Amino acid sequence: KELEGVLPKYVEIFLNSEIGRTQLARKTSGQVQPKITTDDVKTIRIPLPPPEIQHHIVEIMQSAYAQKRQKEGKADALFESIDAYVLEELGIEMPAVEEKKCFVIYAEDIGGRIDPFYLRNIPYFRDIKTPYPLIPLGSLLIDKPQYGANERAINGNPESDIRYIRITDIDDYGNLLNDDWKTAENVDEKYLLRENDVLFARSGSVGRGFVYKNKLGRAI
């Protein structure tokens, strides 16, 4: 849901950035099929710069998307450096990564988790510096998060059926792929998407995001 002063596309870009995906990785569980709960999603912390900075970041990223479509080779090199650009625009200073085998964690920080990847990153995130407030998604950006449909995908008619957007239909940069249009075997209208809804992968490719627009037609 679009809120005043918050661009959904900016949220998508941040979640797809290195710092966004690292936070998501810390919250995932499961070995064979990684997943993240909606409660965990609410705790993701996102810098909230003024709208003009958000617009500027979105414009730069959209320009990169256009270049990628036109010239894959050169654009790939651009995307490899995009994380550094986003961090610079947000004024975020990332601490040096130290692959320590031993580290100190206080009892109040454990929170029921004992896996080392999660605990190892607690000191790392404490050292991140940014001039902007870090806002938990659950307190500001998410309106009634809900699970998506879990139906069998079947071939559909783009002229009349409701599109079933699956995580495999979205690339790593938040773009919707159009070469495998599907509908769902059973469509429940409670899953119909609204303008500016942010789709978010909770399992498998955790953190891959996409902003839905009405011009795409009715979709779940």
Protein backbone atom coordinates (compact mmCIF):
# COMPACT_ATOMS: atom_id res chain seq x y z
CA LYS A 1 0.00 0.00 0.00
CA GLU A 2 1.37 3.44 -0.91
CA LEU A 3 1.75 5.75 2.08
CA GLU A 4 2.54 9.45 2.14
CA GLY A 5 6.26 9.99 1.80
CA VAL A 6 7.04 6.37 0.90
CA LEU A 7 7.56 5.13 -2.67
CA PRO A 8 6.75 1.42 -3.16
CA LYS A 9 9.42 1.22 -5.86
CA TYR A 10 11.99 2.55 -3.39
CA VAL A 11 10.96 -0.17 -0.93
CA GLU A 12 11.40 -2.80 -3.66
CA ILE A 13 14.85 -1.45 -4.58
CA PHE A 14 16.00 -1.48 -0.98
CA LEU A 15 14.77 -5.03 -0.39
CA ASN A 16 16.67 -6.15 -3.50
CA SER A 17 19.88 -4.40 -2.37
CA GLU A 18 22.72 -6.14 -0.56
CA ILE A 19 21.82 -4.69 2.84
CA GLY A 20 18.14 -5.57 2.35
CA ARG A 21 18.86 -9.14 1.31
CA THR A 22 21.37 -9.60 4.12
CA GLN A 23 18.70 -8.64 6.65
CA LEU A 24 16.30 -11.06 4.99
CA ALA A 25 18.87 -13.84 5.05
CA ARG A 26 19.22 -13.35 8.80
CA LYS A 27 15.50 -13.89 9.26
CA THR A 28 15.12 -16.97 7.08
CA SER A 29 14.80 -20.47 8.46
CA GLY A 30 14.69 -23.93 6.93
CA GLN A 31 17.41 -25.90 5.20
CA VAL A 32 15.82 -27.42 2.07
CA GLN A 33 13.26 -24.66 1.44
CA PRO A 34 14.28 -21.35 3.08
CA LYS A 35 11.34 -19.23 4.24
CA ILE A 36 10.54 -16.10 6.22
CA THR A 37 7.41 -15.30 8.24
CA THR A 38 5.33 -12.14 7.88
CA ASP A 39 6.22 -11.22 11.46
CA ASP A 40 9.91 -11.41 10.54
CA VAL A 41 9.29 -9.22 7.48
CA LYS A 42 7.86 -6.53 9.77
CA THR A 43 11.17 -6.26 11.62
CA ILE A 44 13.25 -5.46 8.52
CA ARG A 45 14.78 -2.02 9.03
CA ILE A 46 14.81 0.34 6.05
CA PRO A 47 16.35 3.83 5.79
CA LEU A 48 13.67 6.42 5.03
CA PRO A 49 15.22 9.42 3.23
CA PRO A 50 13.15 12.40 2.01
CA PRO A 51 10.86 11.70 -0.97
CA GLU A 52 13.17 13.55 -3.37
CA ILE A 53 16.03 11.17 -2.49
CA GLN A 54 13.72 8.18 -2.93
CA HIS A 55 12.64 9.52 -6.35
CA HIS A 56 16.26 10.03 -7.36
CA ILE A 57 17.21 6.47 -6.42
CA VAL A 58 14.20 5.10 -8.31
CA GLU A 59 15.08 7.16 -11.41
CA ILE A 60 18.66 5.91 -11.39
CA MET A 61 17.54 2.31 -11.01
CA GLN A 62 14.91 2.58 -13.74
CA SER A 63 17.56 4.02 -16.03
CA ALA A 64 19.74 1.03 -15.23
CA TYR A 65 16.83 -1.31 -16.00
CA ALA A 66 16.38 0.34 -19.40
CA GLN A 67 20.08 0.04 -20.18
CA LYS A 68 20.06 -3.58 -19.12
CA ARG A 69 17.28 -4.40 -21.54
CA GLN A 70 19.07 -2.60 -24.38
CA LYS A 71 22.61 -3.70 -23.76
CA GLU A 72 22.81 -6.73 -21.51
CA GLY A 73 26.57 -6.91 -21.36
CA LYS A 74 27.25 -3.30 -20.32
CA ALA A 75 24.21 -3.17 -18.04
CA ASP A 76 25.35 -6.26 -16.13
CA ALA A 77 28.51 -4.41 -15.16
CA LEU A 78 26.35 -1.47 -14.05
CA PHE A 79 24.19 -3.69 -11.87
CA GLU A 80 27.24 -5.19 -10.23
CA SER A 81 28.06 -1.73 -8.88
CA ILE A 82 24.48 -0.61 -8.09
CA ASP A 83 24.62 -1.68 -4.44
CA ALA A 84 27.49 0.72 -3.85
CA TYR A 85 25.51 3.51 -5.53
CA VAL A 86 22.38 2.93 -3.41
CA LEU A 87 24.44 2.87 -0.21
CA GLU A 88 26.19 6.10 -1.21
CA GLU A 89 22.89 7.87 -1.98
CA LEU A 90 21.50 6.81 1.41
CA GLY A 91 24.65 7.87 3.21
CA ILE A 92 25.09 4.37 4.64
CA GLU A 93 28.53 3.33 5.83
CA MET A 94 28.92 -0.42 5.91
CA PRO A 95 31.41 -1.89 8.39
CA ALA A 96 34.17 -4.11 7.12
CA VAL A 97 33.15 -7.75 6.92
CA GLU A 98 35.21 -9.96 9.15
CA GLU A 99 34.83 -13.71 8.76
CA LYS A 100 35.30 -14.49 12.43
CA LYS A 101 34.84 -18.01 13.76
CA CYS A 102 34.37 -16.66 17.31
CA PHE A 103 32.31 -13.64 18.35
CA VAL A 104 30.54 -12.27 21.41
CA ILE A 105 26.72 -12.11 21.64
CA TYR A 106 24.77 -10.94 24.66
CA ALA A 107 21.94 -13.14 25.95
CA GLU A 108 19.23 -10.54 25.27
CA ASP A 109 20.19 -10.53 21.58
CA ILE A 110 19.70 -14.26 21.00
CA GLY A 111 15.90 -14.13 20.79
CA GLY A 112 15.49 -17.88 20.50
CA ARG A 113 17.91 -18.18 17.56
CA ILE A 114 21.08 -20.23 17.92
CA ASP A 115 22.22 -20.51 14.29
CA PRO A 116 25.62 -18.83 13.79
CA PHE A 117 24.79 -16.90 10.59
CA TYR A 118 22.02 -14.99 12.36
CA LEU A 119 24.06 -14.31 15.51
CA ARG A 120 27.26 -13.44 13.67
CA ASN A 121 25.54 -10.55 11.90
CA ILE A 122 24.16 -8.84 15.02
CA PRO A 123 27.42 -6.93 15.72
CA TYR A 124 27.72 -6.20 11.99
CA PHE A 125 24.35 -4.42 11.81
CA ARG A 126 25.04 -2.47 14.98
CA ASP A 127 27.99 -0.83 13.24
CA ILE A 128 26.05 0.38 10.17
CA LYS A 129 25.87 4.18 10.03
CA THR A 130 23.26 6.26 8.17
CA PRO A 131 22.03 9.88 8.51
CA TYR A 132 18.43 8.74 8.02
CA PRO A 133 16.12 7.01 10.51
CA LEU A 134 15.89 3.22 10.27
CA ILE A 135 12.18 2.40 10.14
CA PRO A 136 10.86 -1.14 10.75
CA LEU A 137 8.61 -2.10 7.83
CA GLY A 138 5.94 -3.31 10.23
CA SER A 139 5.53 0.10 11.85
CA LEU A 140 5.12 2.15 8.70
CA LEU A 141 5.34 0.48 5.31
CA ILE A 142 3.27 -2.70 5.52
CA ASP A 143 -0.51 -2.66 5.59
CA LYS A 144 -2.01 -5.99 6.59
CA PRO A 145 0.60 -8.32 5.07
CA GLN A 146 -0.89 -11.54 3.81
CA TYR A 147 0.22 -14.75 2.22
CA GLY A 148 -0.18 -15.13 -1.51
CA ALA A 149 -2.14 -17.81 -3.29
CA ASN A 150 -0.84 -21.36 -3.29
CA GLU A 151 -2.48 -22.86 -6.33
CA ARG A 152 -1.43 -24.95 -9.29
CA ALA A 153 -0.48 -22.77 -12.25
CA ILE A 154 -2.12 -23.58 -15.58
CA ASN A 155 -2.09 -22.05 -19.05
CA GLY A 156 -4.48 -19.11 -19.28
CA ASN A 157 -5.87 -16.57 -21.70
CA PRO A 158 -4.26 -13.12 -21.25
CA GLU A 159 -7.38 -11.53 -22.76
CA SER A 160 -9.80 -12.84 -20.14
CA ASP A 161 -8.11 -14.69 -17.25
CA ILE A 162 -6.53 -13.37 -14.08
CA ARG A 163 -2.76 -13.64 -14.19
CA TYR A 164 -1.03 -15.74 -11.53
CA ILE A 165 2.27 -13.99 -10.71
CA ARG A 166 4.75 -16.49 -9.28
CA ILE A 167 8.23 -15.84 -7.95
CA THR A 168 9.65 -17.54 -11.05
CA ASP A 169 7.97 -14.79 -13.11
CA ILE A 170 10.16 -12.11 -11.48
CA ASP A 171 13.85 -11.61 -12.17
CA ASP A 172 16.54 -10.60 -9.67
CA TYR A 173 16.00 -6.92 -10.45
CA GLY A 174 12.26 -6.80 -9.76
CA ASN A 175 11.13 -7.02 -13.39
CA LEU A 176 8.14 -9.12 -14.48
CA LEU A 177 8.94 -11.71 -17.14
CA ASN A 178 6.30 -12.05 -19.84
CA ASP A 179 7.35 -15.27 -21.55
CA ASP A 180 5.40 -17.68 -19.34
CA TRP A 181 1.94 -16.18 -18.68
CA LYS A 182 -0.11 -18.36 -16.32
CA THR A 183 -3.38 -18.30 -14.42
CA ALA A 184 -4.29 -20.29 -11.30
CA GLU A 185 -6.34 -23.46 -11.27
CA ASN A 186 -8.59 -21.87 -8.61
CA VAL A 187 -8.70 -18.08 -8.31
CA ASP A 188 -9.72 -16.64 -4.94
CA GLU A 189 -10.46 -12.91 -5.27
CA LYS A 190 -9.13 -12.21 -1.78
CA TYR A 191 -5.68 -12.48 -3.37
CA LEU A 192 -6.34 -9.86 -6.08
CA LEU A 193 -3.52 -7.34 -6.18
CA ARG A 194 -3.95 -3.62 -5.73
CA GLU A 195 -1.98 -0.73 -7.22
CA ASN A 196 1.48 -0.48 -5.63
CA ASP A 197 1.23 -3.75 -3.71
CA VAL A 198 4.73 -5.05 -3.04
CA LEU A 199 5.09 -8.78 -3.74
CA PHE A 200 7.74 -10.40 -1.61
CA ALA A 201 9.22 -13.91 -1.77
CA ARG A 202 9.05 -15.64 1.60
CA SER A 203 10.53 -18.98 0.56
CA GLY A 204 13.05 -20.21 -1.95
CA SER A 205 14.33 -16.94 -3.47
CA VAL A 206 13.72 -15.07 -0.20
CA GLY A 207 13.56 -11.30 -0.62
CA ARG A 208 12.94 -11.09 -4.36
CA GLY A 209 10.44 -8.27 -4.75
CA PHE A 210 8.10 -6.73 -7.31
CA VAL A 211 5.70 -3.74 -7.32
CA TYR A 212 2.35 -4.50 -8.97
CA LYS A 213 0.71 -1.91 -11.25
CA ASN A 214 -2.92 -1.99 -12.39
CA LYS A 215 -1.86 -1.56 -16.02
CA LEU A 216 -0.70 -5.20 -15.90
CA GLY A 217 -4.31 -6.28 -15.63
CA ARG A 218 -6.01 -8.24 -12.88
CA ALA A 219 -3.57 -10.54 -11.11
CA ILE A 220 -3.04 -12.56 -7.97
